[in-house]
């Protein structure tokens, strides 16, 4: 597995090896030992999630203020632009974001550690998005930051129209007033 550093040291882009031929392909999408070695510490995943989105759907920016989740994410079908935002006040990269294009053909994975808000934009007709999380979903602790917050200035890819967001995401907090980690 190739490990690619991002501008925020804790956030990693991982590229598993893909073996393909005329029959199709094979890829080891997760190996605990290899993943822990890439991170430099031990993780433990407790939940897998699968979402399907249509072109232009934007999900996020989500995080849990208690029971924070680390997320190892990948696209099983399609293409998506994935974003992690540092919401740890004590971090030197607080308020910074990093993004990566994830595709089914590239098999890229994005490690979003606990303490980061996460979101993605579907760039193909259909996107199947897979998440491994280090803690359980706790709706009472879930928080959202506006995807288009001017202070964050995330450079989302251009769409043919406005992104489609949920009612919950339409009510997301501004970064300046969001509850963050200390």
Foldseek 3Di string as FASTA:
>chain_A
DDWDADPPRQKIKDFFDWADDPVGIDTDLDDQVVVCVSNVHHADFDDKDKDKDFAQAKDFQKFFQPQTKKKKKAWLAAKKKKKKAAQAPVDPRHLEMDIDIHHNVRSMIMIHGGRIGIMMGGHHRMTIMMITIRGDDDVVRMAGEAPCQPSSNDDGDDDPDHGDYDPRNVPHHHSVPTDGHD
